[in-house]
Amino acid sequence: MPDISKRRLGLDPVVALSLAGAVVFFLISGAVAYFNLQTLRDDNQRIVHSHEVIIALGELLSSTQDAETGQRGFLLTNNENISSLTIPLCLRFRRGWTRSPN
């Protein structure tokens, strides 16, 4: 007489247990892969943000150097036309510094 549990499942218990183990393995592997992808996405966003900050600081340095050069030119020549160039540079400096963070 065959075993009732074997007949009800239609599978040998060893085969059923192996199948369940494989399903659990793939579920765990999928969860680990999902969390790894989330970590990669977050790290990538941080890298992009760091590059944006580096570019903004480079532009800020350039604007500061331009304003300093204009101020130095005004002080050396006492020419009012050079002073009028410094004002837009200062405005560009302030506008760049007050950008909203992401």
PDB file of N, CA and C in Angstrom:
ATOM      1  N   MET A   1       0.847  -1.171   0.000  1.00  0.00           N
ATOM      2  CA  MET A   1       0.000   0.000   0.000  1.00  0.00           C
ATOM      3  C   MET A   1       0.896   1.239   0.000  1.00  0.00           C
ATOM      4  N   PRO A   2       0.695   2.169  -0.957  1.00  0.00           N
ATOM      5  CA  PRO A   2       1.524   3.365  -1.029  1.00  0.00           C
ATOM      6  C   PRO A   2       1.213   4.323   0.109  1.00  0.00           C
ATOM      7  N   ASP A   3       2.212   5.129   0.422  1.00  0.00           N
ATOM      8  CA  ASP A   3       2.079   6.122   1.484  1.00  0.00           C
ATOM      9  C   ASP A   3       1.072   7.189   1.052  1.00  0.00           C
ATOM     10  N   ILE A   4       0.167   7.595   1.960  1.00  0.00           N
ATOM     11  CA  ILE A   4      -0.884   8.553   1.628  1.00  0.00           C
ATOM     12  C   ILE A   4      -0.304   9.928   1.338  1.00  0.00           C
ATOM     13  N   SER A   5       0.682  10.381   2.120  1.00  0.00           N
ATOM     14  CA  SER A   5       1.251  11.701   1.889  1.00  0.00           C
ATOM     15  C   SER A   5       1.955  11.747   0.547  1.00  0.00           C
ATOM     16  N   LYS A   6       2.578  10.624   0.152  1.00  0.00           N
ATOM     17  CA  LYS A   6       3.236  10.553  -1.140  1.00  0.00           C
ATOM     18  C   LYS A   6       2.209  10.631  -2.257  1.00  0.00           C
ATOM     19  N   ARG A   7       1.098   9.997  -2.066  1.00  0.00           N
ATOM     20  CA  ARG A   7       0.039   9.971  -3.068  1.00  0.00           C
ATOM     21  C   ARG A   7      -0.637  11.342  -3.169  1.00  0.00           C
ATOM     22  N   ARG A   8      -0.838  12.003  -2.041  1.00  0.00           N
ATOM     23  CA  ARG A   8      -1.521  13.289  -2.024  1.00  0.00           C
ATOM     24  C   ARG A   8      -0.692  14.355  -2.756  1.00  0.00           C
ATOM     25  N   LEU A   9       0.621  14.414  -2.536  1.00  0.00           N
ATOM     26  CA  LEU A   9       1.485  15.379  -3.205  1.00  0.00           C
ATOM     27  C   LEU A   9       1.826  14.963  -4.623  1.00  0.00           C
ATOM     28  N   GLY A  10       1.879  13.704  -4.858  1.00  0.00           N
ATOM     29  CA  GLY A  10       2.265  13.215  -6.166  1.00  0.00           C
ATOM     30  C   GLY A  10       3.768  13.234  -6.351  1.00  0.00           C
ATOM     31  N   LEU A  11       4.535  13.567  -5.303  1.00  0.00           N
ATOM     32  CA  LEU A  11       5.984  13.625  -5.372  1.00  0.00           C
ATOM     33  C   LEU A  11       6.584  12.846  -4.224  1.00  0.00           C
ATOM     34  N   ASP A  12       7.768  12.405  -4.462  1.00  0.00           N
ATOM     35  CA  ASP A  12       8.547  11.789  -3.390  1.00  0.00           C
ATOM     36  C   ASP A  12       8.904  12.900  -2.404  1.00  0.00           C
ATOM     37  N   PRO A  13       8.879  12.683  -1.109  1.00  0.00           N
ATOM     38  CA  PRO A  13       9.191  13.743  -0.135  1.00  0.00           C
ATOM     39  C   PRO A  13      10.573  14.346  -0.336  1.00  0.00           C
ATOM     40  N   VAL A  14      11.543  13.582  -0.762  1.00  0.00           N
ATOM     41  CA  VAL A  14      12.890  14.110  -0.992  1.00  0.00           C
ATOM     42  C   VAL A  14      12.866  15.093  -2.164  1.00  0.00           C
ATOM     43  N   VAL A  15      12.106  14.746  -3.206  1.00  0.00           N
ATOM     44  CA  VAL A  15      12.000  15.633  -4.370  1.00  0.00           C
ATOM     45  C   VAL A  15      11.255  16.906  -3.983  1.00  0.00           C
ATOM     46  N   ALA A  16      10.196  16.791  -3.212  1.00  0.00           N
ATOM     47  CA  ALA A  16       9.427  17.960  -2.780  1.00  0.00           C
ATOM     48  C   ALA A  16      10.281  18.870  -1.906  1.00  0.00           C
ATOM     49  N   LEU A  17      11.056  18.285  -1.006  1.00  0.00           N
ATOM     50  CA  LEU A  17      11.924  19.079  -0.150  1.00  0.00           C
ATOM     51  C   LEU A  17      13.020  19.769  -0.967  1.00  0.00           C
ATOM     52  N   SER A  18      13.566  19.088  -1.936  1.00  0.00           N
ATOM     53  CA  SER A  18      14.579  19.688  -2.814  1.00  0.00           C
ATOM     54  C   SER A  18      13.996  20.839  -3.619  1.00  0.00           C
ATOM     55  N   LEU A  19      12.781  20.652  -4.117  1.00  0.00           N
ATOM     56  CA  LEU A  19      12.113  21.718  -4.869  1.00  0.00           C
ATOM     57  C   LEU A  19      11.846  22.934  -3.979  1.00  0.00           C
ATOM     58  N   ALA A  20      11.397  22.693  -2.764  1.00  0.00           N
ATOM     59  CA  ALA A  20      11.154  23.794  -1.828  1.00  0.00           C
ATOM     60  C   ALA A  20      12.460  24.506  -1.490  1.00  0.00           C
ATOM     61  N   GLY A  21      13.546  23.764  -1.318  1.00  0.00           N
ATOM     62  CA  GLY A  21      14.847  24.368  -1.047  1.00  0.00           C
ATOM     63  C   GLY A  21      15.319  25.237  -2.201  1.00  0.00           C
ATOM     64  N   ALA A  22      15.078  24.777  -3.438  1.00  0.00           N
ATOM     65  CA  ALA A  22      15.470  25.565  -4.607  1.00  0.00           C
ATOM     66  C   ALA A  22      14.663  26.857  -4.685  1.00  0.00           C
ATOM     67  N   VAL A  23      13.371  26.770  -4.397  1.00  0.00           N
ATOM     68  CA  VAL A  23      12.525  27.969  -4.429  1.00  0.00           C
ATOM     69  C   VAL A  23      12.986  28.976  -3.368  1.00  0.00           C
ATOM     70  N   VAL A  24      13.287  28.494  -2.173  1.00  0.00           N
ATOM     71  CA  VAL A  24      13.769  29.377  -1.099  1.00  0.00           C
ATOM     72  C   VAL A  24      15.099  30.007  -1.498  1.00  0.00           C
ATOM     73  N   PHE A  25      15.992  29.218  -2.101  1.00  0.00           N
ATOM     74  CA  PHE A  25      17.281  29.737  -2.551  1.00  0.00           C
ATOM     75  C   PHE A  25      17.094  30.879  -3.546  1.00  0.00           C
ATOM     76  N   PHE A  26      16.203  30.694  -4.524  1.00  0.00           N
ATOM     77  CA  PHE A  26      16.002  31.749  -5.528  1.00  0.00           C
ATOM     78  C   PHE A  26      15.318  32.979  -4.938  1.00  0.00           C
ATOM     79  N   LEU A  27      14.440  32.799  -3.980  1.00  0.00           N
ATOM     80  CA  LEU A  27      13.818  33.949  -3.311  1.00  0.00           C
ATOM     81  C   LEU A  27      14.858  34.755  -2.537  1.00  0.00           C
ATOM     82  N   ILE A  28      15.728  34.074  -1.822  1.00  0.00           N
ATOM     83  CA  ILE A  28      16.785  34.770  -1.076  1.00  0.00           C
ATOM     84  C   ILE A  28      17.749  35.455  -2.029  1.00  0.00           C
ATOM     85  N   SER A  29      18.108  34.782  -3.110  1.00  0.00           N
ATOM     86  CA  SER A  29      19.006  35.384  -4.110  1.00  0.00           C
ATOM     87  C   SER A  29      18.379  36.633  -4.735  1.00  0.00           C
ATOM     88  N   GLY A  30      17.090  36.581  -5.016  1.00  0.00           N
ATOM     89  CA  GLY A  30      16.396  37.743  -5.567  1.00  0.00           C
ATOM     90  C   GLY A  30      16.370  38.905  -4.595  1.00  0.00           C
ATOM     91  N   ALA A  31      16.154  38.613  -3.315  1.00  0.00           N
ATOM     92  CA  ALA A  31      16.138  39.679  -2.310  1.00  0.00           C
ATOM     93  C   ALA A  31      17.521  40.319  -2.172  1.00  0.00           C
ATOM     94  N   VAL A  32      18.570  39.508  -2.164  1.00  0.00           N
ATOM     95  CA  VAL A  32      19.929  40.036  -2.066  1.00  0.00           C
ATOM     96  C   VAL A  32      20.255  40.887  -3.292  1.00  0.00           C
ATOM     97  N   ALA A  33      19.867  40.424  -4.475  1.00  0.00           N
ATOM     98  CA  ALA A  33      20.110  41.194  -5.698  1.00  0.00           C
ATOM     99  C   ALA A  33      19.370  42.527  -5.665  1.00  0.00           C
ATOM    100  N   TYR A  34      18.139  42.514  -5.173  1.00  0.00           N
ATOM    101  CA  TYR A  34      17.357  43.754  -5.078  1.00  0.00           C
ATOM    102  C   TYR A  34      18.042  44.755  -4.146  1.00  0.00           C
ATOM    103  N   PHE A  35      18.479  44.304  -2.989  1.00  0.00           N
ATOM    104  CA  PHE A  35      19.136  45.213  -2.049  1.00  0.00           C
ATOM    105  C   PHE A  35      20.474  45.707  -2.588  1.00  0.00           C
ATOM    106  N   ASN A  36      21.186  44.863  -3.316  1.00  0.00           N
ATOM    107  CA  ASN A  36      22.440  45.306  -3.935  1.00  0.00           C
ATOM    108  C   ASN A  36      22.185  46.373  -5.000  1.00  0.00           C
ATOM    109  N   LEU A  37      21.118  46.210  -5.773  1.00  0.00           N
ATOM    110  CA  LEU A  37      20.786  47.226  -6.776  1.00  0.00           C
ATOM    111  C   LEU A  37      20.384  48.546  -6.124  1.00  0.00           C
ATOM    112  N   GLN A  38      19.668  48.472  -5.017  1.00  0.00           N
ATOM    113  CA  GLN A  38      19.308  49.698  -4.291  1.00  0.00           C
ATOM    114  C   GLN A  38      20.555  50.409  -3.788  1.00  0.00           C
ATOM    115  N   THR A  39      21.505  49.644  -3.280  1.00  0.00           N
ATOM    116  CA  THR A  39      22.754  50.233  -2.799  1.00  0.00           C
ATOM    117  C   THR A  39      23.528  50.873  -3.939  1.00  0.00           C
ATOM    118  N   LEU A  40      23.587  50.194  -5.069  1.00  0.00           N
ATOM    119  CA  LEU A  40      24.275  50.761  -6.234  1.00  0.00           C
ATOM    120  C   LEU A  40      23.605  52.047  -6.699  1.00  0.00           C
ATOM    121  N   ARG A  41      22.288  52.082  -6.699  1.00  0.00           N
ATOM    122  CA  ARG A  41      21.556  53.274  -7.127  1.00  0.00           C
ATOM    123  C   ARG A  41      21.827  54.443  -6.181  1.00  0.00           C
ATOM    124  N   ASP A  42      21.794  54.170  -4.878  1.00  0.00           N
ATOM    125  CA  ASP A  42      22.073  55.230  -3.897  1.00  0.00           C
ATOM    126  C   ASP A  42      23.503  55.742  -4.016  1.00  0.00           C
ATOM    127  N   ASP A  43      24.452  54.825  -4.177  1.00  0.00           N
ATOM    128  CA  ASP A  43      25.850  55.232  -4.326  1.00  0.00           C
ATOM    129  C   ASP A  43      26.054  56.052  -5.588  1.00  0.00           C
ATOM    130  N   ASN A  44      25.373  55.673  -6.668  1.00  0.00           N
ATOM    131  CA  ASN A  44      25.487  56.423  -7.915  1.00  0.00           C
ATOM    132  C   ASN A  44      24.938  57.839  -7.750  1.00  0.00           C
ATOM    133  N   GLN A  45      23.830  57.992  -7.037  1.00  0.00           N
ATOM    134  CA  GLN A  45      23.274  59.319  -6.792  1.00  0.00           C
ATOM    135  C   GLN A  45      24.242  60.181  -5.983  1.00  0.00           C
ATOM    136  N   ARG A  46      24.916  59.579  -5.025  1.00  0.00           N
ATOM    137  CA  ARG A  46      25.893  60.328  -4.231  1.00  0.00           C
ATOM    138  C   ARG A  46      27.071  60.759  -5.089  1.00  0.00           C
ATOM    139  N   ILE A  47      27.508  59.904  -5.992  1.00  0.00           N
ATOM    140  CA  ILE A  47      28.622  60.253  -6.878  1.00  0.00           C
ATOM    141  C   ILE A  47      28.225  61.387  -7.801  1.00  0.00           C
ATOM    142  N   VAL A  48      27.022  61.319  -8.367  1.00  0.00           N
ATOM    143  CA  VAL A  48      26.543  62.386  -9.251  1.00  0.00           C
ATOM    144  C   VAL A  48      26.465  63.702  -8.486  1.00  0.00           C
ATOM    145  N   HIS A  49      25.953  63.658  -7.270  1.00  0.00           N
ATOM    146  CA  HIS A  49      25.859  64.870  -6.454  1.00  0.00           C
ATOM    147  C   HIS A  49      27.248  65.433  -6.158  1.00  0.00           C
ATOM    148  N   SER A  50      28.196  64.563  -5.852  1.00  0.00           N
ATOM    149  CA  SER A  50      29.563  65.024  -5.583  1.00  0.00           C
ATOM    150  C   SER A  50      30.156  65.715  -6.802  1.00  0.00           C
ATOM    151  N   HIS A  51      29.908  65.160  -7.984  1.00  0.00           N
ATOM    152  CA  HIS A  51      30.422  65.781  -9.201  1.00  0.00           C
ATOM    153  C   HIS A  51      29.753  67.138  -9.448  1.00  0.00           C
ATOM    154  N   GLU A  52      28.461  67.231  -9.166  1.00  0.00           N
ATOM    155  CA  GLU A  52      27.775  68.516  -9.324  1.00  0.00           C
ATOM    156  C   GLU A  52      28.353  69.554  -8.378  1.00  0.00           C
ATOM    157  N   VAL A  53      28.652  69.156  -7.150  1.00  0.00           N
ATOM    158  CA  VAL A  53      29.231  70.088  -6.173  1.00  0.00           C
ATOM    159  C   VAL A  53      30.622  70.521  -6.625  1.00  0.00           C
ATOM    160  N   ILE A  54      31.416  69.581  -7.130  1.00  0.00           N
ATOM    161  CA  ILE A  54      32.759  69.923  -7.603  1.00  0.00           C
ATOM    162  C   ILE A  54      32.689  70.908  -8.759  1.00  0.00           C
ATOM    163  N   ILE A  55      31.759  70.702  -9.686  1.00  0.00           N
ATOM    164  CA  ILE A  55      31.606  71.623 -10.818  1.00  0.00           C
ATOM    165  C   ILE A  55      31.165  72.995 -10.332  1.00  0.00           C
ATOM    166  N   ALA A  56      30.198  73.033  -9.401  1.00  0.00           N
ATOM    167  CA  ALA A  56      29.724  74.316  -8.871  1.00  0.00           C
ATOM    168  C   ALA A  56      30.842  75.060  -8.153  1.00  0.00           C
ATOM    169  N   LEU A  57      31.659  74.338  -7.400  1.00  0.00           N
ATOM    170  CA  LEU A  57      32.768  74.990  -6.700  1.00  0.00           C
ATOM    171  C   LEU A  57      33.821  75.497  -7.682  1.00  0.00           C
ATOM    172  N   GLY A  58      34.025  74.770  -8.773  1.00  0.00           N
ATOM    173  CA  GLY A  58      34.947  75.248  -9.806  1.00  0.00           C
ATOM    174  C   GLY A  58      34.449  76.533 -10.449  1.00  0.00           C
ATOM    175  N   GLU A  59      33.135  76.590 -10.719  1.00  0.00           N
ATOM    176  CA  GLU A  59      32.551  77.821 -11.278  1.00  0.00           C
ATOM    177  C   GLU A  59      32.650  78.964 -10.279  1.00  0.00           C
ATOM    178  N   LEU A  60      32.435  78.661  -9.005  1.00  0.00           N
ATOM    179  CA  LEU A  60      32.542  79.679  -7.960  1.00  0.00           C
ATOM    180  C   LEU A  60      33.968  80.210  -7.867  1.00  0.00           C
ATOM    181  N   LEU A  61      34.938  79.337  -7.939  1.00  0.00           N
ATOM    182  CA  LEU A  61      36.339  79.753  -7.908  1.00  0.00           C
ATOM    183  C   LEU A  61      36.661  80.637  -9.114  1.00  0.00           C
ATOM    184  N   SER A  62      36.159  80.244 -10.278  1.00  0.00           N
ATOM    185  CA  SER A  62      36.403  81.032 -11.487  1.00  0.00           C
ATOM    186  C   SER A  62      35.782  82.422 -11.362  1.00  0.00           C
ATOM    187  N   SER A  63      34.560  82.488 -10.857  1.00  0.00           N
ATOM    188  CA  SER A  63      33.901  83.783 -10.675  1.00  0.00           C
ATOM    189  C   SER A  63      34.655  84.650  -9.669  1.00  0.00           C
ATOM    190  N   THR A  64      35.124  84.042  -8.608  1.00  0.00           N
ATOM    191  CA  THR A  64      35.881  84.784  -7.595  1.00  0.00           C
ATOM    192  C   THR A  64      37.178  85.316  -8.177  1.00  0.00           C
ATOM    193  N   GLN A  65      37.848  84.500  -8.964  1.00  0.00           N
ATOM    194  CA  GLN A  65      39.092  84.953  -9.593  1.00  0.00           C
ATOM    195  C   GLN A  65      38.831  86.088 -10.586  1.00  0.00           C
ATOM    196  N   ASP A  66      37.719  85.987 -11.338  1.00  0.00           N
ATOM    197  CA  ASP A  66      37.376  87.063 -12.271  1.00  0.00           C
ATOM    198  C   ASP A  66      37.084  88.360 -11.523  1.00  0.00           C
ATOM    199  N   ALA A  67      36.349  88.259 -10.411  1.00  0.00           N
ATOM    200  CA  ALA A  67      36.040  89.458  -9.628  1.00  0.00           C
ATOM    201  C   ALA A  67      37.312  90.050  -9.027  1.00  0.00           C
ATOM    202  N   GLU A  68      38.196  89.194  -8.560  1.00  0.00           N
ATOM    203  CA  GLU A  68      39.456  89.660  -7.985  1.00  0.00           C
ATOM    204  C   GLU A  68      40.312  90.363  -9.054  1.00  0.00           C
ATOM    205  N   THR A  69      40.326  89.794 -10.244  1.00  0.00           N
ATOM    206  CA  THR A  69      41.093  90.402 -11.338  1.00  0.00           C
ATOM    207  C   THR A  69      40.521  91.767 -11.707  1.00  0.00           C
ATOM    208  N   GLY A  70      39.187  91.848 -11.757  1.00  0.00           N
ATOM    209  CA  GLY A  70      38.556  93.132 -12.059  1.00  0.00           C
ATOM    210  C   GLY A  70      38.835  94.169 -10.985  1.00  0.00           C
ATOM    211  N   GLN A  71      38.775  93.752  -9.748  1.00  0.00           N
ATOM    212  CA  GLN A  71      39.051  94.675  -8.635  1.00  0.00           C
ATOM    213  C   GLN A  71      40.502  95.138  -8.683  1.00  0.00           C
ATOM    214  N   ARG A  72      41.403  94.224  -8.948  1.00  0.00           N
ATOM    215  CA  ARG A  72      42.817  94.589  -9.034  1.00  0.00           C
ATOM    216  C   ARG A  72      43.051  95.578 -10.187  1.00  0.00           C
ATOM    217  N   GLY A  73      42.386  95.332 -11.323  1.00  0.00           N
ATOM    218  CA  GLY A  73      42.519  96.249 -12.453  1.00  0.00           C
ATOM    219  C   GLY A  73      42.009  97.632 -12.123  1.00  0.00           C
ATOM    220  N   PHE A  74      40.897  97.697 -11.400  1.00  0.00           N
ATOM    221  CA  PHE A  74      40.358  98.996 -10.999  1.00  0.00           C
ATOM    222  C   PHE A  74      41.322  99.715 -10.059  1.00  0.00           C
ATOM    223  N   LEU A  75      41.864  98.974  -9.097  1.00  0.00           N
ATOM    224  CA  LEU A  75      42.775  99.606  -8.140  1.00  0.00           C
ATOM    225  C   LEU A  75      44.068 100.085  -8.804  1.00  0.00           C
ATOM    226  N   LEU A  76      44.527  99.364  -9.809  1.00  0.00           N
ATOM    227  CA  LEU A  76      45.769  99.750 -10.480  1.00  0.00           C
ATOM    228  C   LEU A  76      45.569 100.929 -11.439  1.00  0.00           C
ATOM    229  N   THR A  77      44.433 100.944 -12.138  1.00  0.00           N
ATOM    230  CA  THR A  77      44.228 101.959 -13.171  1.00  0.00           C
ATOM    231  C   THR A  77      43.300 103.080 -12.731  1.00  0.00           C
ATOM    232  N   ASN A  78      42.486 102.839 -11.683  1.00  0.00           N
ATOM    233  CA  ASN A  78      41.473 103.788 -11.236  1.00  0.00           C
ATOM    234  C   ASN A  78      40.512 104.126 -12.370  1.00  0.00           C
ATOM    235  N   ASN A  79      40.243 103.135 -13.208  1.00  0.00           N
ATOM    236  CA  ASN A  79      39.358 103.296 -14.355  1.00  0.00           C
ATOM    237  C   ASN A  79      37.962 102.805 -13.957  1.00  0.00           C
ATOM    238  N   GLU A  80      36.963 103.675 -14.083  1.00  0.00           N
ATOM    239  CA  GLU A  80      35.590 103.332 -13.691  1.00  0.00           C
ATOM    240  C   GLU A  80      35.003 102.232 -14.571  1.00  0.00           C
ATOM    241  N   ASN A  81      35.446 102.108 -15.816  1.00  0.00           N
ATOM    242  CA  ASN A  81      34.903 101.079 -16.715  1.00  0.00           C
ATOM    243  C   ASN A  81      35.242  99.673 -16.210  1.00  0.00           C
ATOM    244  N   ILE A  82      36.390  99.517 -15.622  1.00  0.00           N
ATOM    245  CA  ILE A  82      36.762  98.206 -15.080  1.00  0.00           C
ATOM    246  C   ILE A  82      35.890  97.879 -13.875  1.00  0.00           C
ATOM    247  N   SER A  83      35.539  98.879 -13.083  1.00  0.00           N
ATOM    248  CA  SER A  83      34.680  98.667 -11.928  1.00  0.00           C
ATOM    249  C   SER A  83      33.301  98.190 -12.353  1.00  0.00           C
ATOM    250  N   SER A  84      32.815  98.671 -13.486  1.00  0.00           N
ATOM    251  CA  SER A  84      31.491  98.247 -13.948  1.00  0.00           C
ATOM    252  C   SER A  84      31.497  96.786 -14.376  1.00  0.00           C
ATOM    253  N   LEU A  85      32.661  96.225 -14.699  1.00  0.00           N
ATOM    254  CA  LEU A  85      32.744  94.805 -15.024  1.00  0.00           C
ATOM    255  C   LEU A  85      32.707  93.940 -13.773  1.00  0.00           C
ATOM    256  N   THR A  86      33.153  94.485 -12.668  1.00  0.00           N
ATOM    257  CA  THR A  86      33.217  93.716 -11.427  1.00  0.00           C
ATOM    258  C   THR A  86      31.823  93.467 -10.855  1.00  0.00           C
ATOM    259  N   ILE A  87      30.904  94.395 -11.018  1.00  0.00           N
ATOM    260  CA  ILE A  87      29.562  94.263 -10.447  1.00  0.00           C
ATOM    261  C   ILE A  87      28.820  93.047 -11.014  1.00  0.00           C
ATOM    262  N   PRO A  88      28.787  92.850 -12.357  1.00  0.00           N
ATOM    263  CA  PRO A  88      28.122  91.628 -12.841  1.00  0.00           C
ATOM    264  C   PRO A  88      28.792  90.343 -12.355  1.00  0.00           C
ATOM    265  N   LEU A  89      30.095  90.358 -12.165  1.00  0.00           N
ATOM    266  CA  LEU A  89      30.777  89.179 -11.655  1.00  0.00           C
ATOM    267  C   LEU A  89      30.347  88.876 -10.227  1.00  0.00           C
ATOM    268  N   CYS A  90      30.179  89.917  -9.417  1.00  0.00           N
ATOM    269  CA  CYS A  90      29.729  89.714  -8.039  1.00  0.00           C
ATOM    270  C   CYS A  90      28.305  89.176  -8.022  1.00  0.00           C
ATOM    271  N   LEU A  91      27.466  89.681  -8.919  1.00  0.00           N
ATOM    272  CA  LEU A  91      26.092  89.174  -8.991  1.00  0.00           C
ATOM    273  C   LEU A  91      26.078  87.718  -9.425  1.00  0.00           C
ATOM    274  N   ARG A  92      26.938  87.357 -10.371  1.00  0.00           N
ATOM    275  CA  ARG A  92      27.028  85.971 -10.803  1.00  0.00           C
ATOM    276  C   ARG A  92      27.508  85.103  -9.644  1.00  0.00           C
ATOM    277  N   PHE A  93      28.406  85.613  -8.855  1.00  0.00           N
ATOM    278  CA  PHE A  93      28.911  84.910  -7.687  1.00  0.00           C
ATOM    279  C   PHE A  93      27.775  84.634  -6.707  1.00  0.00           C
ATOM    280  N   ARG A  94      26.986  85.645  -6.401  1.00  0.00           N
ATOM    281  CA  ARG A  94      25.883  85.470  -5.449  1.00  0.00           C
ATOM    282  C   ARG A  94      24.811  84.544  -6.001  1.00  0.00           C
ATOM    283  N   ARG A  95      24.478  84.686  -7.277  1.00  0.00           N
ATOM    284  CA  ARG A  95      23.450  83.850  -7.883  1.00  0.00           C
ATOM    285  C   ARG A  95      23.883  82.380  -7.867  1.00  0.00           C
ATOM    286  N   GLY A  96      25.161  82.125  -8.139  1.00  0.00           N
ATOM    287  CA  GLY A  96      25.657  80.755  -8.122  1.00  0.00           C
ATOM    288  C   GLY A  96      25.688  80.161  -6.741  1.00  0.00           C
ATOM    289  N   TRP A  97      25.904  80.990  -5.739  1.00  0.00           N
ATOM    290  CA  TRP A  97      26.018  80.483  -4.369  1.00  0.00           C
ATOM    291  C   TRP A  97      24.662  80.210  -3.755  1.00  0.00           C
ATOM    292  N   THR A  98      23.611  80.883  -4.224  1.00  0.00           N
ATOM    293  CA  THR A  98      22.298  80.719  -3.615  1.00  0.00           C
ATOM    294  C   THR A  98      21.439  79.693  -4.339  1.00  0.00           C
ATOM    295  N   ARG A  99      22.050  78.855  -5.173  1.00  0.00           N
ATOM    296  CA  ARG A  99      21.275  77.802  -5.825  1.00  0.00           C
ATOM    297  C   ARG A  99      20.719  76.868  -4.772  1.00  0.00           C
ATOM    298  N   SER A 100      19.499  76.381  -5.014  1.00  0.00           N
ATOM    299  CA  SER A 100      18.872  75.494  -4.044  1.00  0.00           C
ATOM    300  C   SER A 100      19.514  74.114  -4.123  1.00  0.00           C
ATOM    301  N   PRO A 101      19.749  73.484  -2.973  1.00  0.00           N
ATOM    302  CA  PRO A 101      20.347  72.147  -2.980  1.00  0.00           C
ATOM    303  C   PRO A 101      19.332  71.108  -3.442  1.00  0.00           C
ATOM    304  N   ASN A 102      19.836  70.013  -4.003  1.00  0.00           N
ATOM    305  CA  ASN A 102      18.953  68.944  -4.481  1.00  0.00           C
ATOM    306  C   ASN A 102      18.629  67.980  -3.375  1.00  0.00           C
TER     307      ASN A 102
END
